Amino acid sequence: MFTVNGTRQAPGAASPGAMDFGGVMAGSAMLLVEAVAGAIAGAGMLIDDAARAGAKWRKRAAERRHLAELDDYLLRDIGIDRTRALGEADKPFWRD
């Protein structure tokens, strides 16, 4: 117990000058917390998407390098000619 202006107050009690907005402030704080949590989750998804794209691009670049290194016998075996293989190998990694 403590005293404010001669009035005894219990610990944790609102001070006499405090305004109670019926939970409006608490509701606003909750909305802010939810918005921040949503932004963090969105950033996490963005990072995951970027990591997946990076892995896909690395794999595509490696496959195109390997395709360019195949000899004519192996290219015929998979059904493409040297011109088509080099055309595919020359594409940027981000292009399908």
N, C-alpha and C. Protein backbone atom coordinates (compact mmCIF):
# COMPACT_ATOMS: atom_id res chain seq x y z
N MET A 1 0.84 -1.17 0.00
CA MET A 1 0.00 0.00 0.00
C MET A 1 0.89 1.24 0.00
N PHE A 2 0.42 2.25 -0.66
CA PHE A 2 1.11 3.52 -0.66
C PHE A 2 0.06 4.63 -0.65
N THR A 3 0.51 5.84 -0.44
CA THR A 3 -0.42 6.96 -0.31
C THR A 3 -0.19 7.95 -1.44
N VAL A 4 -1.29 8.38 -2.09
CA VAL A 4 -1.24 9.42 -3.11
C VAL A 4 -2.22 10.49 -2.67
N ASN A 5 -1.72 11.70 -2.43
CA ASN A 5 -2.55 12.82 -1.97
C ASN A 5 -3.40 12.42 -0.77
N GLY A 6 -2.82 11.65 0.13
CA GLY A 6 -3.52 11.27 1.34
C GLY A 6 -4.47 10.10 1.16
N THR A 7 -4.54 9.53 -0.03
CA THR A 7 -5.42 8.39 -0.28
C THR A 7 -4.57 7.14 -0.39
N ARG A 8 -4.98 6.09 0.30
CA ARG A 8 -4.23 4.84 0.26
C ARG A 8 -4.52 4.11 -1.05
N GLN A 9 -3.44 3.66 -1.69
CA GLN A 9 -3.54 2.97 -2.98
C GLN A 9 -2.89 1.59 -2.87
N ALA A 10 -3.49 0.61 -3.54
CA ALA A 10 -2.90 -0.73 -3.58
C ALA A 10 -1.81 -0.75 -4.65
N PRO A 11 -0.79 -1.58 -4.47
CA PRO A 11 0.25 -1.68 -5.50
C PRO A 11 -0.39 -2.10 -6.83
N GLY A 12 0.06 -1.48 -7.93
CA GLY A 12 -0.47 -1.79 -9.25
C GLY A 12 -1.74 -1.05 -9.60
N ALA A 13 -2.30 -0.30 -8.65
CA ALA A 13 -3.53 0.44 -8.92
C ALA A 13 -3.21 1.66 -9.77
N ALA A 14 -4.16 2.06 -10.58
CA ALA A 14 -3.97 3.24 -11.41
C ALA A 14 -3.92 4.47 -10.54
N SER A 15 -3.11 5.41 -10.94
CA SER A 15 -3.04 6.65 -10.17
C SER A 15 -4.34 7.42 -10.38
N PRO A 16 -4.71 8.30 -9.46
CA PRO A 16 -5.99 9.01 -9.56
C PRO A 16 -6.12 9.83 -10.83
N GLY A 17 -5.01 10.28 -11.42
CA GLY A 17 -5.08 11.10 -12.62
C GLY A 17 -5.09 10.27 -13.90
N ALA A 18 -4.94 8.94 -13.79
CA ALA A 18 -4.88 8.10 -14.99
C ALA A 18 -6.24 8.01 -15.64
N MET A 19 -6.27 7.99 -16.96
CA MET A 19 -7.52 7.88 -17.69
C MET A 19 -7.70 6.45 -18.17
N ASP A 20 -8.89 5.93 -18.03
CA ASP A 20 -9.21 4.59 -18.51
C ASP A 20 -10.03 4.73 -19.77
N PHE A 21 -9.52 4.24 -20.89
CA PHE A 21 -10.22 4.34 -22.16
C PHE A 21 -10.95 3.04 -22.49
N GLY A 22 -11.22 2.25 -21.51
CA GLY A 22 -11.95 1.02 -21.73
C GLY A 22 -11.20 0.03 -22.60
N GLY A 23 -9.92 -0.05 -22.42
CA GLY A 23 -9.13 -1.01 -23.17
C GLY A 23 -8.70 -0.53 -24.54
N VAL A 24 -9.00 0.72 -24.90
CA VAL A 24 -8.63 1.23 -26.22
C VAL A 24 -7.12 1.24 -26.38
N MET A 25 -6.42 1.69 -25.36
CA MET A 25 -4.96 1.74 -25.45
C MET A 25 -4.39 0.33 -25.56
N ALA A 26 -4.93 -0.58 -24.79
CA ALA A 26 -4.46 -1.96 -24.84
C ALA A 26 -4.75 -2.56 -26.21
N GLY A 27 -5.92 -2.25 -26.77
CA GLY A 27 -6.28 -2.75 -28.09
C GLY A 27 -5.36 -2.20 -29.17
N SER A 28 -5.01 -0.92 -29.06
CA SER A 28 -4.10 -0.31 -30.03
C SER A 28 -2.73 -0.94 -29.95
N ALA A 29 -2.29 -1.20 -28.73
CA ALA A 29 -0.98 -1.85 -28.56
C ALA A 29 -1.00 -3.25 -29.16
N MET A 30 -2.12 -3.96 -28.99
CA MET A 30 -2.23 -5.30 -29.55
C MET A 30 -2.20 -5.25 -31.07
N LEU A 31 -2.88 -4.26 -31.67
CA LEU A 31 -2.86 -4.11 -33.12
C LEU A 31 -1.45 -3.83 -33.61
N LEU A 32 -0.72 -3.00 -32.87
CA LEU A 32 0.66 -2.71 -33.24
C LEU A 32 1.52 -3.96 -33.18
N VAL A 33 1.36 -4.73 -32.12
CA VAL A 33 2.11 -5.98 -31.98
C VAL A 33 1.79 -6.93 -33.13
N GLU A 34 0.52 -7.04 -33.48
CA GLU A 34 0.12 -7.92 -34.58
C GLU A 34 0.68 -7.42 -35.91
N ALA A 35 0.69 -6.11 -36.11
CA ALA A 35 1.24 -5.55 -37.35
C ALA A 35 2.73 -5.82 -37.46
N VAL A 36 3.44 -5.64 -36.35
CA VAL A 36 4.89 -5.90 -36.36
C VAL A 36 5.16 -7.39 -36.59
N ALA A 37 4.38 -8.25 -35.95
CA ALA A 37 4.55 -9.69 -36.14
C ALA A 37 4.27 -10.06 -37.59
N GLY A 38 3.26 -9.46 -38.20
CA GLY A 38 2.96 -9.71 -39.60
C GLY A 38 4.08 -9.25 -40.51
N ALA A 39 4.65 -8.10 -40.20
CA ALA A 39 5.77 -7.59 -41.01
C ALA A 39 6.98 -8.51 -40.90
N ILE A 40 7.25 -9.00 -39.71
CA ILE A 40 8.37 -9.92 -39.52
C ILE A 40 8.13 -11.22 -40.27
N ALA A 41 6.92 -11.73 -40.20
CA ALA A 41 6.58 -12.96 -40.93
C ALA A 41 6.71 -12.73 -42.43
N GLY A 42 6.25 -11.58 -42.90
CA GLY A 42 6.37 -11.25 -44.32
C GLY A 42 7.81 -11.16 -44.76
N ALA A 43 8.65 -10.57 -43.92
CA ALA A 43 10.08 -10.49 -44.24
C ALA A 43 10.70 -11.87 -44.28
N GLY A 44 10.26 -12.73 -43.37
CA GLY A 44 10.77 -14.11 -43.37
C GLY A 44 10.40 -14.84 -44.64
N MET A 45 9.16 -14.64 -45.09
CA MET A 45 8.73 -15.29 -46.35
C MET A 45 9.52 -14.73 -47.53
N LEU A 46 9.78 -13.44 -47.51
CA LEU A 46 10.56 -12.82 -48.59
C LEU A 46 11.97 -13.40 -48.62
N ILE A 47 12.57 -13.57 -47.46
CA ILE A 47 13.91 -14.15 -47.38
C ILE A 47 13.89 -15.59 -47.88
N ASP A 48 12.86 -16.36 -47.49
CA ASP A 48 12.74 -17.75 -47.97
C ASP A 48 12.60 -17.79 -49.49
N ASP A 49 11.77 -16.90 -50.04
CA ASP A 49 11.58 -16.86 -51.49
C ASP A 49 12.89 -16.51 -52.20
N ALA A 50 13.63 -15.57 -51.65
CA ALA A 50 14.90 -15.18 -52.25
C ALA A 50 15.92 -16.32 -52.19
N ALA A 51 15.92 -17.04 -51.09
CA ALA A 51 16.84 -18.18 -50.95
C ALA A 51 16.49 -19.27 -51.96
N ARG A 52 15.20 -19.54 -52.12
CA ARG A 52 14.78 -20.55 -53.12
C ARG A 52 15.14 -20.12 -54.53
N ALA A 53 14.92 -18.84 -54.85
CA ALA A 53 15.27 -18.34 -56.18
C ALA A 53 16.77 -18.45 -56.40
N GLY A 54 17.55 -18.10 -55.39
CA GLY A 54 19.01 -18.20 -55.52
C GLY A 54 19.47 -19.63 -55.76
N ALA A 55 18.89 -20.57 -55.05
CA ALA A 55 19.24 -21.98 -55.23
C ALA A 55 18.85 -22.45 -56.64
N LYS A 56 17.67 -22.04 -57.09
CA LYS A 56 17.20 -22.41 -58.43
C LYS A 56 18.14 -21.84 -59.49
N TRP A 57 18.55 -20.58 -59.32
CA TRP A 57 19.43 -19.94 -60.30
C TRP A 57 20.81 -20.59 -60.33
N ARG A 58 21.34 -20.94 -59.14
CA ARG A 58 22.65 -21.62 -59.10
C ARG A 58 22.58 -22.96 -59.82
N LYS A 59 21.50 -23.70 -59.58
CA LYS A 59 21.33 -25.01 -60.22
C LYS A 59 21.21 -24.83 -61.74
N ARG A 60 20.42 -23.86 -62.16
CA ARG A 60 20.24 -23.62 -63.60
C ARG A 60 21.56 -23.23 -64.26
N ALA A 61 22.34 -22.37 -63.61
CA ALA A 61 23.63 -21.96 -64.17
C ALA A 61 24.57 -23.15 -64.30
N ALA A 62 24.60 -24.02 -63.28
CA ALA A 62 25.46 -25.21 -63.33
C ALA A 62 25.02 -26.16 -64.44
N GLU A 63 23.71 -26.36 -64.58
CA GLU A 63 23.21 -27.25 -65.64
C GLU A 63 23.57 -26.71 -67.02
N ARG A 64 23.51 -25.41 -67.19
CA ARG A 64 23.85 -24.82 -68.50
C ARG A 64 25.34 -24.93 -68.77
N ARG A 65 26.16 -24.76 -67.74
CA ARG A 65 27.61 -24.96 -67.93
C ARG A 65 27.90 -26.40 -68.34
N HIS A 66 27.26 -27.35 -67.68
CA HIS A 66 27.47 -28.76 -68.01
C HIS A 66 26.98 -29.08 -69.41
N LEU A 67 25.87 -28.51 -69.80
CA LEU A 67 25.34 -28.73 -71.14
C LEU A 67 26.34 -28.26 -72.19
N ALA A 68 26.94 -27.10 -71.97
CA ALA A 68 27.92 -26.55 -72.92
C ALA A 68 29.16 -27.44 -73.02
N GLU A 69 29.46 -28.20 -71.96
CA GLU A 69 30.65 -29.04 -71.95
C GLU A 69 30.45 -30.43 -72.55
N LEU A 70 29.19 -30.82 -72.82
CA LEU A 70 28.92 -32.14 -73.38
C LEU A 70 29.47 -32.25 -74.80
N ASP A 71 29.97 -33.45 -75.13
CA ASP A 71 30.46 -33.65 -76.51
C ASP A 71 29.28 -33.95 -77.44
N ASP A 72 29.56 -33.93 -78.75
CA ASP A 72 28.49 -34.11 -79.75
C ASP A 72 27.78 -35.45 -79.60
N TYR A 73 28.50 -36.50 -79.24
CA TYR A 73 27.89 -37.82 -79.06
C TYR A 73 26.82 -37.78 -77.98
N LEU A 74 27.16 -37.18 -76.82
CA LEU A 74 26.19 -37.10 -75.72
C LEU A 74 25.03 -36.17 -76.05
N LEU A 75 25.31 -35.08 -76.77
CA LEU A 75 24.22 -34.19 -77.18
C LEU A 75 23.25 -34.91 -78.10
N ARG A 76 23.77 -35.69 -79.07
CA ARG A 76 22.88 -36.46 -79.94
C ARG A 76 22.07 -37.47 -79.12
N ASP A 77 22.72 -38.04 -78.11
CA ASP A 77 22.04 -39.03 -77.26
C ASP A 77 20.83 -38.43 -76.54
N ILE A 78 20.92 -37.16 -76.16
CA ILE A 78 19.77 -36.53 -75.48
C ILE A 78 18.87 -35.79 -76.46
N GLY A 79 19.21 -35.84 -77.74
CA GLY A 79 18.32 -35.32 -78.77
C GLY A 79 18.45 -33.85 -79.11
N ILE A 80 19.60 -33.26 -78.85
CA ILE A 80 19.79 -31.86 -79.25
C ILE A 80 21.13 -31.71 -79.98
N ASP A 81 21.24 -30.66 -80.77
CA ASP A 81 22.50 -30.43 -81.48
C ASP A 81 23.33 -29.37 -80.75
N ARG A 82 24.55 -29.19 -81.21
CA ARG A 82 25.49 -28.27 -80.56
C ARG A 82 24.94 -26.84 -80.55
N THR A 83 24.33 -26.40 -81.63
CA THR A 83 23.79 -25.03 -81.72
C THR A 83 22.73 -24.79 -80.65
N ARG A 84 21.83 -25.73 -80.52
CA ARG A 84 20.77 -25.57 -79.51
C ARG A 84 21.36 -25.61 -78.09
N ALA A 85 22.34 -26.49 -77.86
CA ALA A 85 22.97 -26.59 -76.54
C ALA A 85 23.67 -25.29 -76.18
N LEU A 86 24.41 -24.72 -77.13
CA LEU A 86 25.11 -23.46 -76.85
C LEU A 86 24.12 -22.31 -76.69
N GLY A 87 23.02 -22.34 -77.45
CA GLY A 87 21.99 -21.31 -77.27
C GLY A 87 21.39 -21.34 -75.87
N GLU A 88 21.16 -22.55 -75.37
CA GLU A 88 20.63 -22.70 -74.00
C GLU A 88 21.69 -22.28 -72.98
N ALA A 89 22.92 -22.65 -73.22
CA ALA A 89 24.00 -22.35 -72.27
C ALA A 89 24.28 -20.85 -72.19
N ASP A 90 24.00 -20.13 -73.28
CA ASP A 90 24.25 -18.68 -73.31
C ASP A 90 23.17 -17.86 -72.61
N LYS A 91 22.05 -18.47 -72.26
CA LYS A 91 20.98 -17.72 -71.58
C LYS A 91 21.44 -17.29 -70.20
N PRO A 92 20.97 -16.12 -69.75
CA PRO A 92 21.27 -15.71 -68.35
C PRO A 92 20.61 -16.70 -67.37
N PHE A 93 21.20 -16.84 -66.20
CA PHE A 93 20.71 -17.81 -65.22
C PHE A 93 19.29 -17.54 -64.76
N TRP A 94 18.84 -16.29 -64.83
CA TRP A 94 17.50 -15.97 -64.32
C TRP A 94 16.40 -16.22 -65.37
N ARG A 95 16.77 -16.50 -66.60
CA ARG A 95 15.78 -16.71 -67.65
C ARG A 95 15.48 -18.20 -67.80
N ASP A 96 14.21 -18.55 -67.91
CA ASP A 96 13.82 -19.96 -68.13
C ASP A 96 14.21 -20.40 -69.51
